[in-house]
PDB file of N, CA and C in Angstrom:
ATOM      1  N   UNK A   1     -55.536  26.113 222.628  1.00  0.00           N
ATOM      2  CA  UNK A   1     -55.944  27.078 223.625  1.00  0.00           C
ATOM      3  C   UNK A   1     -54.912  27.167 224.749  1.00  0.00           C
ATOM      4  N   UNK A   2     -54.426  26.021 225.190  1.00  0.00           N
ATOM      5  CA  UNK A   2     -53.435  25.995 226.256  1.00  0.00           C
ATOM      6  C   UNK A   2     -52.142  26.669 225.800  1.00  0.00           C
ATOM      7  N   UNK A   3     -51.760  26.444 224.549  1.00  0.00           N
ATOM      8  CA  UNK A   3     -50.559  27.069 223.992  1.00  0.00           C
ATOM      9  C   UNK A   3     -50.710  28.589 223.957  1.00  0.00           C
ATOM     10  N   UNK A   4     -51.872  29.062 223.583  1.00  0.00           N
ATOM     11  CA  UNK A   4     -52.143  30.501 223.553  1.00  0.00           C
ATOM     12  C   UNK A   4     -51.996  31.101 224.955  1.00  0.00           C
ATOM     13  N   UNK A   5     -52.501  30.411 225.945  1.00  0.00           N
ATOM     14  CA  UNK A   5     -52.395  30.856 227.331  1.00  0.00           C
ATOM     15  C   UNK A   5     -50.931  30.954 227.763  1.00  0.00           C
ATOM     16  N   UNK A   6     -50.131  29.960 227.402  1.00  0.00           N
ATOM     17  CA  UNK A   6     -48.701  29.953 227.746  1.00  0.00           C
ATOM     18  C   UNK A   6     -47.988  31.116 227.065  1.00  0.00           C
ATOM     19  N   UNK A   7     -48.274  31.340 225.793  1.00  0.00           N
ATOM     20  CA  UNK A   7     -47.644  32.429 225.042  1.00  0.00           C
ATOM     21  C   UNK A   7     -48.018  33.778 225.638  1.00  0.00           C
ATOM     22  N   UNK A   8     -49.276  33.961 225.981  1.00  0.00           N
ATOM     23  CA  UNK A   8     -49.722  35.220 226.581  1.00  0.00           C
ATOM     24  C   UNK A   8     -49.036  35.475 227.923  1.00  0.00           C
ATOM     25  N   UNK A   9     -48.935  34.443 228.749  1.00  0.00           N
ATOM     26  CA  UNK A   9     -48.239  34.594 230.031  1.00  0.00           C
ATOM     27  C   UNK A   9     -46.768  34.933 229.838  1.00  0.00           C
ATOM     28  N   UNK A  10     -46.139  34.325 228.855  1.00  0.00           N
ATOM     29  CA  UNK A  10     -44.741  34.609 228.557  1.00  0.00           C
ATOM     30  C   UNK A  10     -44.561  36.056 228.110  1.00  0.00           C
ATOM     31  N   UNK A  11     -45.446  36.546 227.260  1.00  0.00           N
ATOM     32  CA  UNK A  11     -45.382  37.942 226.809  1.00  0.00           C
ATOM     33  C   UNK A  11     -45.595  38.909 227.961  1.00  0.00           C
ATOM     34  N   UNK A  12     -46.511  38.605 228.831  1.00  0.00           N
ATOM     35  CA  UNK A  12     -46.761  39.459 229.996  1.00  0.00           C
ATOM     36  C   UNK A  12     -45.533  39.476 230.910  1.00  0.00           C
ATOM     37  N   UNK A  13     -44.903  38.335 231.113  1.00  0.00           N
ATOM     38  CA  UNK A  13     -43.711  38.257 231.966  1.00  0.00           C
ATOM     39  C   UNK A  13     -42.570  39.074 231.384  1.00  0.00           C
ATOM     40  N   UNK A  14     -42.370  38.999 230.074  1.00  0.00           N
ATOM     41  CA  UNK A  14     -41.305  39.764 229.418  1.00  0.00           C
ATOM     42  C   UNK A  14     -41.582  41.256 229.550  1.00  0.00           C
ATOM     43  N   UNK A  15     -42.815  41.671 229.284  1.00  0.00           N
ATOM     44  CA  UNK A  15     -43.161  43.085 229.383  1.00  0.00           C
ATOM     45  C   UNK A  15     -43.036  43.596 230.817  1.00  0.00           C
ATOM     46  N   UNK A  16     -43.406  42.790 231.791  1.00  0.00           N
ATOM     47  CA  UNK A  16     -43.297  43.186 233.192  1.00  0.00           C
ATOM     48  C   UNK A  16     -41.836  43.346 233.590  1.00  0.00           C
ATOM     49  N   UNK A  17     -40.998  42.405 233.192  1.00  0.00           N
ATOM     50  CA  UNK A  17     -39.564  42.496 233.508  1.00  0.00           C
ATOM     51  C   UNK A  17     -38.954  43.718 232.860  1.00  0.00           C
ATOM     52  N   UNK A  18     -39.320  44.001 231.614  1.00  0.00           N
ATOM     53  CA  UNK A  18     -38.758  45.152 230.905  1.00  0.00           C
ATOM     54  C   UNK A  18     -39.262  46.452 231.521  1.00  0.00           C
ATOM     55  N   UNK A  19     -40.495  46.460 232.007  1.00  0.00           N
ATOM     56  CA  UNK A  19     -41.042  47.666 232.616  1.00  0.00           C
ATOM     57  C   UNK A  19     -40.298  48.028 233.895  1.00  0.00           C
ATOM     58  N   UNK A  20     -39.683  47.050 234.554  1.00  0.00           N
ATOM     59  CA  UNK A  20     -38.951  47.300 235.788  1.00  0.00           C
ATOM     60  C   UNK A  20     -37.547  47.841 235.526  1.00  0.00           C
ATOM     61  N   UNK A  21     -37.105  47.818 234.288  1.00  0.00           N
ATOM     62  CA  UNK A  21     -35.793  48.341 233.935  1.00  0.00           C
ATOM     63  C   UNK A  21     -35.888  49.858 233.859  1.00  0.00           C
ATOM     64  N   UNK A  22     -34.962  50.536 234.544  1.00  0.00           N
ATOM     65  CA  UNK A  22     -34.947  51.988 234.492  1.00  0.00           C
ATOM     66  C   UNK A  22     -33.643  52.471 233.860  1.00  0.00           C
ATOM     67  N   UNK A  23     -33.448  53.786 233.834  1.00  0.00           N
ATOM     68  CA  UNK A  23     -32.276  54.376 233.194  1.00  0.00           C
ATOM     69  C   UNK A  23     -30.961  53.894 233.810  1.00  0.00           C
ATOM     70  N   UNK A  24     -30.932  53.788 235.132  1.00  0.00           N
ATOM     71  CA  UNK A  24     -29.717  53.344 235.807  1.00  0.00           C
ATOM     72  C   UNK A  24     -29.403  51.895 235.465  1.00  0.00           C
ATOM     73  N   UNK A  25     -30.417  51.077 235.421  1.00  0.00           N
ATOM     74  CA  UNK A  25     -30.233  49.655 235.124  1.00  0.00           C
ATOM     75  C   UNK A  25     -29.693  49.452 233.721  1.00  0.00           C
ATOM     76  N   UNK A  26     -30.263  50.130 232.725  1.00  0.00           N
ATOM     77  CA  UNK A  26     -29.797  49.929 231.344  1.00  0.00           C
ATOM     78  C   UNK A  26     -28.384  50.467 231.166  1.00  0.00           C
ATOM     79  N   UNK A  27     -28.061  51.564 231.849  1.00  0.00           N
ATOM     80  CA  UNK A  27     -26.695  52.095 231.769  1.00  0.00           C
ATOM     81  C   UNK A  27     -25.698  51.079 232.317  1.00  0.00           C
ATOM     82  N   UNK A  28     -26.028  50.480 233.455  1.00  0.00           N
ATOM     83  CA  UNK A  28     -25.145  49.468 234.056  1.00  0.00           C
ATOM     84  C   UNK A  28     -25.041  48.223 233.175  1.00  0.00           C
ATOM     85  N   UNK A  29     -26.151  47.835 232.536  1.00  0.00           N
ATOM     86  CA  UNK A  29     -26.116  46.685 231.618  1.00  0.00           C
ATOM     87  C   UNK A  29     -25.104  46.919 230.503  1.00  0.00           C
ATOM     88  N   UNK A  30     -25.135  48.118 229.928  1.00  0.00           N
ATOM     89  CA  UNK A  30     -24.215  48.434 228.836  1.00  0.00           C
ATOM     90  C   UNK A  30     -22.784  48.520 229.359  1.00  0.00           C
ATOM     91  N   UNK A  31     -22.562  49.253 230.440  1.00  0.00           N
ATOM     92  CA  UNK A  31     -21.217  49.415 230.991  1.00  0.00           C
ATOM     93  C   UNK A  31     -20.559  48.070 231.278  1.00  0.00           C
ATOM     94  N   UNK A  32     -21.329  47.131 231.811  1.00  0.00           N
ATOM     95  CA  UNK A  32     -20.777  45.841 232.236  1.00  0.00           C
ATOM     96  C   UNK A  32     -20.870  44.748 231.184  1.00  0.00           C
ATOM     97  N   UNK A  33     -21.322  45.093 230.013  1.00  0.00           N
ATOM     98  CA  UNK A  33     -21.420  44.114 228.932  1.00  0.00           C
ATOM     99  C   UNK A  33     -20.017  43.694 228.482  1.00  0.00           C
ATOM    100  N   UNK A  34     -19.811  42.399 228.221  1.00  0.00           N
ATOM    101  CA  UNK A  34     -18.486  41.929 227.822  1.00  0.00           C
ATOM    102  C   UNK A  34     -18.052  42.490 226.472  1.00  0.00           C
ATOM    103  N   UNK A  35     -16.753  42.743 226.383  1.00  0.00           N
ATOM    104  CA  UNK A  35     -16.170  43.288 225.163  1.00  0.00           C
ATOM    105  C   UNK A  35     -14.994  42.386 224.777  1.00  0.00           C
ATOM    106  N   UNK A  36     -13.886  42.959 224.385  1.00  0.00           N
ATOM    107  CA  UNK A  36     -12.714  42.191 223.971  1.00  0.00           C
ATOM    108  C   UNK A  36     -11.811  41.828 225.140  1.00  0.00           C
ATOM    109  N   UNK A  37     -11.129  40.713 225.006  1.00  0.00           N
ATOM    110  CA  UNK A  37     -10.081  40.312 225.943  1.00  0.00           C
ATOM    111  C   UNK A  37     -10.503  40.374 227.407  1.00  0.00           C
ATOM    112  N   UNK A  38     -11.748  40.031 227.692  1.00  0.00           N
ATOM    113  CA  UNK A  38     -12.231  40.031 229.061  1.00  0.00           C
ATOM    114  C   UNK A  38     -12.579  41.404 229.609  1.00  0.00           C
ATOM    115  N   UNK A  39     -12.470  42.437 228.783  1.00  0.00           N
ATOM    116  CA  UNK A  39     -12.835  43.785 229.214  1.00  0.00           C
ATOM    117  C   UNK A  39     -14.336  43.984 229.096  1.00  0.00           C
ATOM    118  N   UNK A  40     -14.844  44.950 229.832  1.00  0.00           N
ATOM    119  CA  UNK A  40     -16.232  45.368 229.660  1.00  0.00           C
ATOM    120  C   UNK A  40     -16.254  46.555 228.696  1.00  0.00           C
ATOM    121  N   UNK A  41     -17.442  46.934 228.260  1.00  0.00           N
ATOM    122  CA  UNK A  41     -17.556  48.101 227.388  1.00  0.00           C
ATOM    123  C   UNK A  41     -16.972  49.324 228.087  1.00  0.00           C
ATOM    124  N   UNK A  42     -17.274  49.484 229.377  1.00  0.00           N
ATOM    125  CA  UNK A  42     -16.773  50.651 230.109  1.00  0.00           C
ATOM    126  C   UNK A  42     -15.248  50.695 230.142  1.00  0.00           C
ATOM    127  N   UNK A  43     -14.596  49.568 230.433  1.00  0.00           N
ATOM    128  CA  UNK A  43     -13.130  49.573 230.494  1.00  0.00           C
ATOM    129  C   UNK A  43     -12.515  49.751 229.109  1.00  0.00           C
ATOM    130  N   UNK A  44     -13.153  49.199 228.084  1.00  0.00           N
ATOM    131  CA  UNK A  44     -12.658  49.398 226.713  1.00  0.00           C
ATOM    132  C   UNK A  44     -12.724  50.876 226.326  1.00  0.00           C
ATOM    133  N   UNK A  45     -13.787  51.561 226.735  1.00  0.00           N
ATOM    134  CA  UNK A  45     -13.897  52.994 226.452  1.00  0.00           C
ATOM    135  C   UNK A  45     -12.874  53.796 227.253  1.00  0.00           C
ATOM    136  N   UNK A  46     -12.637  53.422 228.503  1.00  0.00           N
ATOM    137  CA  UNK A  46     -11.628  54.118 229.308  1.00  0.00           C
ATOM    138  C   UNK A  46     -10.249  53.975 228.681  1.00  0.00           C
ATOM    139  N   UNK A  47      -9.945  52.777 228.177  1.00  0.00           N
ATOM    140  CA  UNK A  47      -8.664  52.567 227.492  1.00  0.00           C
ATOM    141  C   UNK A  47      -8.564  53.434 226.248  1.00  0.00           C
ATOM    142  N   UNK A  48      -9.670  53.584 225.549  1.00  0.00           N
ATOM    143  CA  UNK A  48      -9.698  54.399 224.339  1.00  0.00           C
ATOM    144  C   UNK A  48      -9.435  55.868 224.660  1.00  0.00           C
ATOM    145  N   UNK A  49      -9.945  56.348 225.811  1.00  0.00           N
ATOM    146  CA  UNK A  49      -9.731  57.740 226.223  1.00  0.00           C
ATOM    147  C   UNK A  49      -8.256  57.987 226.514  1.00  0.00           C
ATOM    148  N   UNK A  50      -7.601  57.023 227.145  1.00  0.00           N
ATOM    149  CA  UNK A  50      -6.192  57.177 227.511  1.00  0.00           C
ATOM    150  C   UNK A  50      -5.310  57.359 226.282  1.00  0.00           C
ATOM    151  N   UNK A  51      -5.697  56.741 225.172  1.00  0.00           N
ATOM    152  CA  UNK A  51      -4.899  56.798 223.950  1.00  0.00           C
ATOM    153  C   UNK A  51      -4.914  58.202 223.350  1.00  0.00           C
ATOM    154  N   UNK A  52      -6.047  58.848 223.366  1.00  0.00           N
ATOM    155  CA  UNK A  52      -6.187  60.182 222.791  1.00  0.00           C
ATOM    156  C   UNK A  52      -6.548  61.172 223.895  1.00  0.00           C
ATOM    157  N   UNK A  53      -6.242  62.431 223.652  1.00  0.00           N
ATOM    158  CA  UNK A  53      -6.691  63.433 224.626  1.00  0.00           C
ATOM    159  C   UNK A  53      -8.101  63.853 224.234  1.00  0.00           C
ATOM    160  N   UNK A  54      -9.052  63.387 224.991  1.00  0.00           N
ATOM    161  CA  UNK A  54     -10.456  63.653 224.726  1.00  0.00           C
ATOM    162  C   UNK A  54     -11.131  64.088 226.012  1.00  0.00           C
ATOM    163  N   UNK A  55     -12.143  64.881 225.878  1.00  0.00           N
ATOM    164  CA  UNK A  55     -12.950  65.272 227.035  1.00  0.00           C
ATOM    165  C   UNK A  55     -14.142  64.332 227.118  1.00  0.00           C
ATOM    166  N   UNK A  56     -14.305  63.720 228.264  1.00  0.00           N
ATOM    167  CA  UNK A  56     -15.389  62.768 228.467  1.00  0.00           C
ATOM    168  C   UNK A  56     -16.686  63.532 228.731  1.00  0.00           C
ATOM    169  N   UNK A  57     -17.683  63.315 227.893  1.00  0.00           N
ATOM    170  CA  UNK A  57     -18.992  63.947 228.067  1.00  0.00           C
ATOM    171  C   UNK A  57     -19.954  63.055 228.845  1.00  0.00           C
ATOM    172  N   UNK A  58     -19.505  61.859 229.210  1.00  0.00           N
ATOM    173  CA  UNK A  58     -20.276  60.980 230.079  1.00  0.00           C
ATOM    174  C   UNK A  58     -21.299  60.109 229.371  1.00  0.00           C
ATOM    175  N   UNK A  59     -22.055  59.401 230.198  1.00  0.00           N
ATOM    176  CA  UNK A  59     -23.095  58.485 229.748  1.00  0.00           C
ATOM    177  C   UNK A  59     -24.431  59.204 229.716  1.00  0.00           C
ATOM    178  N   UNK A  60     -25.258  58.857 228.733  1.00  0.00           N
ATOM    179  CA  UNK A  60     -26.627  59.358 228.667  1.00  0.00           C
ATOM    180  C   UNK A  60     -27.555  58.207 228.314  1.00  0.00           C
ATOM    181  N   UNK A  61     -28.755  58.241 228.877  1.00  0.00           N
ATOM    182  CA  UNK A  61     -29.777  57.242 228.567  1.00  0.00           C
ATOM    183  C   UNK A  61     -30.952  57.953 227.922  1.00  0.00           C
ATOM    184  N   UNK A  62     -31.408  57.393 226.808  1.00  0.00           N
ATOM    185  CA  UNK A  62     -32.541  57.951 226.079  1.00  0.00           C
ATOM    186  C   UNK A  62     -33.674  56.939 226.124  1.00  0.00           C
ATOM    187  N   UNK A  63     -34.837  57.385 226.582  1.00  0.00           N
ATOM    188  CA  UNK A  63     -35.996  56.499 226.670  1.00  0.00           C
ATOM    189  C   UNK A  63     -37.074  57.037 225.745  1.00  0.00           C
ATOM    190  N   UNK A  64     -37.522  56.176 224.854  1.00  0.00           N
ATOM    191  CA  UNK A  64     -38.638  56.499 223.970  1.00  0.00           C
ATOM    192  C   UNK A  64     -39.653  55.385 224.112  1.00  0.00           C
ATOM    193  N   UNK A  65     -40.808  55.736 224.609  1.00  0.00           N
ATOM    194  CA  UNK A  65     -41.858  54.763 224.917  1.00  0.00           C
ATOM    195  C   UNK A  65     -41.279  53.703 225.843  1.00  0.00           C
ATOM    196  N   UNK A  66     -41.214  52.458 225.412  1.00  0.00           N
ATOM    197  CA  UNK A  66     -40.670  51.400 226.264  1.00  0.00           C
ATOM    198  C   UNK A  66     -39.293  50.943 225.802  1.00  0.00           C
ATOM    199  N   UNK A  67     -38.573  51.810 225.101  1.00  0.00           N
ATOM    200  CA  UNK A  67     -37.261  51.437 224.583  1.00  0.00           C
ATOM    201  C   UNK A  67     -36.186  52.330 225.180  1.00  0.00           C
ATOM    202  N   UNK A  68     -34.991  51.762 225.338  1.00  0.00           N
ATOM    203  CA  UNK A  68     -33.861  52.509 225.882  1.00  0.00           C
ATOM    204  C   UNK A  68     -32.677  52.451 224.928  1.00  0.00           C
ATOM    205  N   UNK A  69     -32.009  53.586 224.777  1.00  0.00           N
ATOM    206  CA  UNK A  69     -30.714  53.655 224.127  1.00  0.00           C
ATOM    207  C   UNK A  69     -29.748  54.257 225.135  1.00  0.00           C
ATOM    208  N   UNK A  70     -28.524  53.748 225.149  1.00  0.00           N
ATOM    209  CA  UNK A  70     -27.489  54.245 226.049  1.00  0.00           C
ATOM    210  C   UNK A  70     -26.343  54.740 225.197  1.00  0.00           C
ATOM    211  N   UNK A  71     -25.827  55.938 225.528  1.00  0.00           N
ATOM    212  CA  UNK A  71     -24.787  56.548 224.712  1.00  0.00           C
ATOM    213  C   UNK A  71     -23.665  57.077 225.594  1.00  0.00           C
ATOM    214  N   UNK A  72     -22.438  56.939 225.093  1.00  0.00           N
ATOM    215  CA  UNK A  72     -21.259  57.536 225.726  1.00  0.00           C
ATOM    216  C   UNK A  72     -20.639  58.452 224.691  1.00  0.00           C
ATOM    217  N   UNK A  73     -20.346  59.683 225.079  1.00  0.00           N
ATOM    218  CA  UNK A  73     -19.810  60.659 224.135  1.00  0.00           C
ATOM    219  C   UNK A  73     -18.506  61.254 224.651  1.00  0.00           C
ATOM    220  N   UNK A  74     -17.644  61.596 223.693  1.00  0.00           N
ATOM    221  CA  UNK A  74     -16.366  62.237 223.970  1.00  0.00           C
ATOM    222  C   UNK A  74     -16.214  63.421 223.034  1.00  0.00           C
ATOM    223  N   UNK A  75     -15.588  64.479 223.520  1.00  0.00           N
ATOM    224  CA  UNK A  75     -15.329  65.648 222.702  1.00  0.00           C
ATOM    225  C   UNK A  75     -13.873  65.597 222.252  1.00  0.00           C
ATOM    226  N   UNK A  76     -13.674  65.512 220.941  1.00  0.00           N
ATOM    227  CA  UNK A  76     -12.318  65.454 220.382  1.00  0.00           C
ATOM    228  C   UNK A  76     -11.709  66.853 220.328  1.00  0.00           C
ATOM    229  N   UNK A  77     -12.485  67.772 219.817  1.00  0.00           N
ATOM    230  CA  UNK A  77     -12.101  69.179 219.784  1.00  0.00           C
ATOM    231  C   UNK A  77     -13.393  69.979 219.860  1.00  0.00           C
ATOM    232  N   UNK A  78     -13.332  71.250 219.586  1.00  0.00           N
ATOM    233  CA  UNK A  78     -14.532  72.082 219.774  1.00  0.00           C
ATOM    234  C   UNK A  78     -15.682  71.703 218.850  1.00  0.00           C
ATOM    235  N   UNK A  79     -15.396  71.006 217.768  1.00  0.00           N
ATOM    236  CA  UNK A  79     -16.473  70.725 216.813  1.00  0.00           C
ATOM    237  C   UNK A  79     -16.738  69.244 216.560  1.00  0.00           C
ATOM    238  N   UNK A  80     -15.890  68.355 217.045  1.00  0.00           N
ATOM    239  CA  UNK A  80     -16.068  66.932 216.734  1.00  0.00           C
ATOM    240  C   UNK A  80     -16.315  66.113 217.998  1.00  0.00           C
ATOM    241  N   UNK A  81     -17.395  65.355 217.958  1.00  0.00           N
ATOM    242  CA  UNK A  81     -17.718  64.460 219.065  1.00  0.00           C
ATOM    243  C   UNK A  81     -17.672  63.015 218.586  1.00  0.00           C
ATOM    244  N   UNK A  82     -17.197  62.143 219.459  1.00  0.00           N
ATOM    245  CA  UNK A  82     -17.268  60.701 219.219  1.00  0.00           C
ATOM    246  C   UNK A  82     -18.432  60.172 220.040  1.00  0.00           C
ATOM    247  N   UNK A  83     -19.340  59.453 219.391  1.00  0.00           N
ATOM    248  CA  UNK A  83     -20.508  58.918 220.091  1.00  0.00           C
ATOM    249  C   UNK A  83     -20.572  57.404 219.898  1.00  0.00           C
ATOM    250  N   UNK A  84     -20.763  56.711 221.007  1.00  0.00           N
ATOM    251  CA  UNK A  84     -20.933  55.259 221.028  1.00  0.00           C
ATOM    252  C   UNK A  84     -22.336  55.021 221.567  1.00  0.00           C
ATOM    253  N   UNK A  85     -23.176  54.307 220.801  1.00  0.00           N
ATOM    254  CA  UNK A  85     -24.576  54.152 221.205  1.00  0.00           C
ATOM    255  C   UNK A  85     -25.028  52.697 221.074  1.00  0.00           C
ATOM    256  N   UNK A  86     -25.754  52.233 222.108  1.00  0.00           N
ATOM    257  CA  UNK A  86     -26.290  50.882 222.149  1.00  0.00           C
ATOM    258  C   UNK A  86     -27.785  50.928 222.439  1.00  0.00           C
ATOM    259  N   UNK A  87     -28.499  49.939 221.931  1.00  0.00           N
ATOM    260  CA  UNK A  87     -29.925  49.776 222.218  1.00  0.00           C
ATOM    261  C   UNK A  87     -30.065  48.597 223.171  1.00  0.00           C
ATOM    262  N   UNK A  88     -30.825  48.790 224.241  1.00  0.00           N
ATOM    263  CA  UNK A  88     -31.093  47.702 225.178  1.00  0.00           C
ATOM    264  C   UNK A  88     -32.439  47.107 224.799  1.00  0.00           C
ATOM    265  N   UNK A  89     -32.411  45.845 224.392  1.00  0.00           N
ATOM    266  CA  UNK A  89     -33.610  45.148 223.946  1.00  0.00           C
ATOM    267  C   UNK A  89     -34.454  44.701 225.139  1.00  0.00           C
ATOM    268  N   UNK A  90     -35.700  44.343 224.866  1.00  0.00           N
ATOM    269  CA  UNK A  90     -36.638  43.942 225.917  1.00  0.00           C
ATOM    270  C   UNK A  90     -36.138  42.750 226.722  1.00  0.00           C
ATOM    271  N   UNK A  91     -35.341  41.880 226.116  1.00  0.00           N
ATOM    272  CA  UNK A  91     -34.830  40.708 226.827  1.00  0.00           C
ATOM    273  C   UNK A  91     -33.548  41.004 227.609  1.00  0.00           C
ATOM    274  N   UNK A  92     -33.106  42.286 227.588  1.00  0.00           N
ATOM    275  CA  UNK A  92     -31.895  42.666 228.306  1.00  0.00           C
ATOM    276  C   UNK A  92     -30.634  42.570 227.478  1.00  0.00           C
ATOM    277  N   UNK A  93     -30.755  42.054 226.260  1.00  0.00           N
ATOM    278  CA  UNK A  93     -29.582  41.990 225.391  1.00  0.00           C
ATOM    279  C   UNK A  93     -29.260  43.384 224.849  1.00  0.00           C
ATOM    280  N   UNK A  94     -28.029  43.557 224.432  1.00  0.00           N
ATOM    281  CA  UNK A  94     -27.548  44.861 223.989  1.00  0.00           C
ATOM    282  C   UNK A  94     -27.126  44.772 222.534  1.00  0.00           C
ATOM    283  N   UNK A  95     -27.594  45.743 221.752  1.00  0.00           N
ATOM    284  CA  UNK A  95     -27.279  45.796 220.332  1.00  0.00           C
ATOM    285  C   UNK A  95     -26.595  47.123 220.028  1.00  0.00           C
ATOM    286  N   UNK A  96     -25.411  47.098 219.404  1.00  0.00           N
ATOM    287  CA  UNK A  96     -24.783  48.364 219.034  1.00  0.00           C
ATOM    288  C   UNK A  96     -25.624  49.080 217.981  1.00  0.00           C
ATOM    289  N   UNK A  97     -25.782  50.389 218.145  1.00  0.00           N
ATOM    290  CA  UNK A  97     -26.552  51.185 217.201  1.00  0.00           C
ATOM    291  C   UNK A  97     -25.612  51.949 216.276  1.00  0.00           C
ATOM    292  N   UNK A  98     -24.558  52.519 216.852  1.00  0.00           N
ATOM    293  CA  UNK A  98     -23.614  53.297 216.045  1.00  0.00           C
ATOM    294  C   UNK A  98     -22.479  52.412 215.548  1.00  0.00           C
ATOM    295  N   UNK A  99     -21.852  52.840 214.476  1.00  0.00           N
ATOM    296  CA  UNK A  99     -20.729  52.071 213.934  1.00  0.00           C
ATOM    297  C   UNK A  99     -19.557  52.067 214.917  1.00  0.00           C
ATOM    298  N   UNK A 100     -19.393  53.131 215.676  1.00  0.00           N
ATOM    299  CA  UNK A 100     -18.323  53.185 216.683  1.00  0.00           C
ATOM    300  C   UNK A 100     -18.559  52.137 217.790  1.00  0.00           C
ATOM    301  N   UNK A 101     -19.811  52.026 218.234  1.00  0.00           N
ATOM    302  CA  UNK A 101     -20.135  51.031 219.267  1.00  0.00           C
ATOM    303  C   UNK A 101     -19.924  49.625 218.721  1.00  0.00           C
ATOM    304  N   UNK A 102     -20.269  49.427 217.463  1.00  0.00           N
ATOM    305  CA  UNK A 102     -20.101  48.110 216.847  1.00  0.00           C
ATOM    306  C   UNK A 102     -18.631  47.744 216.726  1.00  0.00           C
ATOM    307  N   UNK A 103     -17.800  48.712 216.353  1.00  0.00           N
ATOM    308  CA  UNK A 103     -16.376  48.416 216.156  1.00  0.00           C
ATOM    309  C   UNK A 103     -15.590  48.361 217.476  1.00  0.00           C
ATOM    310  N   UNK A 104     -16.139  48.912 218.552  1.00  0.00           N
ATOM    311  CA  UNK A 104     -15.442  48.933 219.829  1.00  0.00           C
ATOM    312  C   UNK A 104     -15.081  47.535 220.307  1.00  0.00           C
ATOM    313  N   UNK A 105     -15.987  46.598 220.176  1.00  0.00           N
ATOM    314  CA  UNK A 105     -15.766  45.243 220.679  1.00  0.00           C
ATOM    315  C   UNK A 105     -15.526  44.233 219.570  1.00  0.00           C
ATOM    316  N   UNK A 106     -15.214  44.709 218.383  1.00  0.00           N
ATOM    317  CA  UNK A 106     -14.909  43.806 217.272  1.00  0.00           C
ATOM    318  C   UNK A 106     -13.404  43.661 217.134  1.00  0.00           C
ATOM    319  N   UNK A 107     -12.990  42.497 216.761  1.00  0.00           N
ATOM    320  CA  UNK A 107     -11.543  42.258 216.586  1.00  0.00           C
ATOM    321  C   UNK A 107     -11.097  42.701 215.224  1.00  0.00           C
TER     322      UNK A 107
END
């Protein structure tokens, strides 16, 4: 019974903390997440833009129920977009959703 009480309190604490996360917070979590060679995701993407001539379409946050996805998009030409997308988990950890996001910080 005591263990059940502890587990329930832990679940409530996690849900409460996640409920306080908003669009700005999850965007900042992704931007500042560590990547390669001491860079953050944001700086790695900025370096990627410098290499190619791309139009930056900016950051977007998608919220569905209690879940957040964060995406950064670039326009290569009139018909091709590059999209990098991450899912922000309830514990604040970040999981790449798109193959581009996964390969961005892989060696």
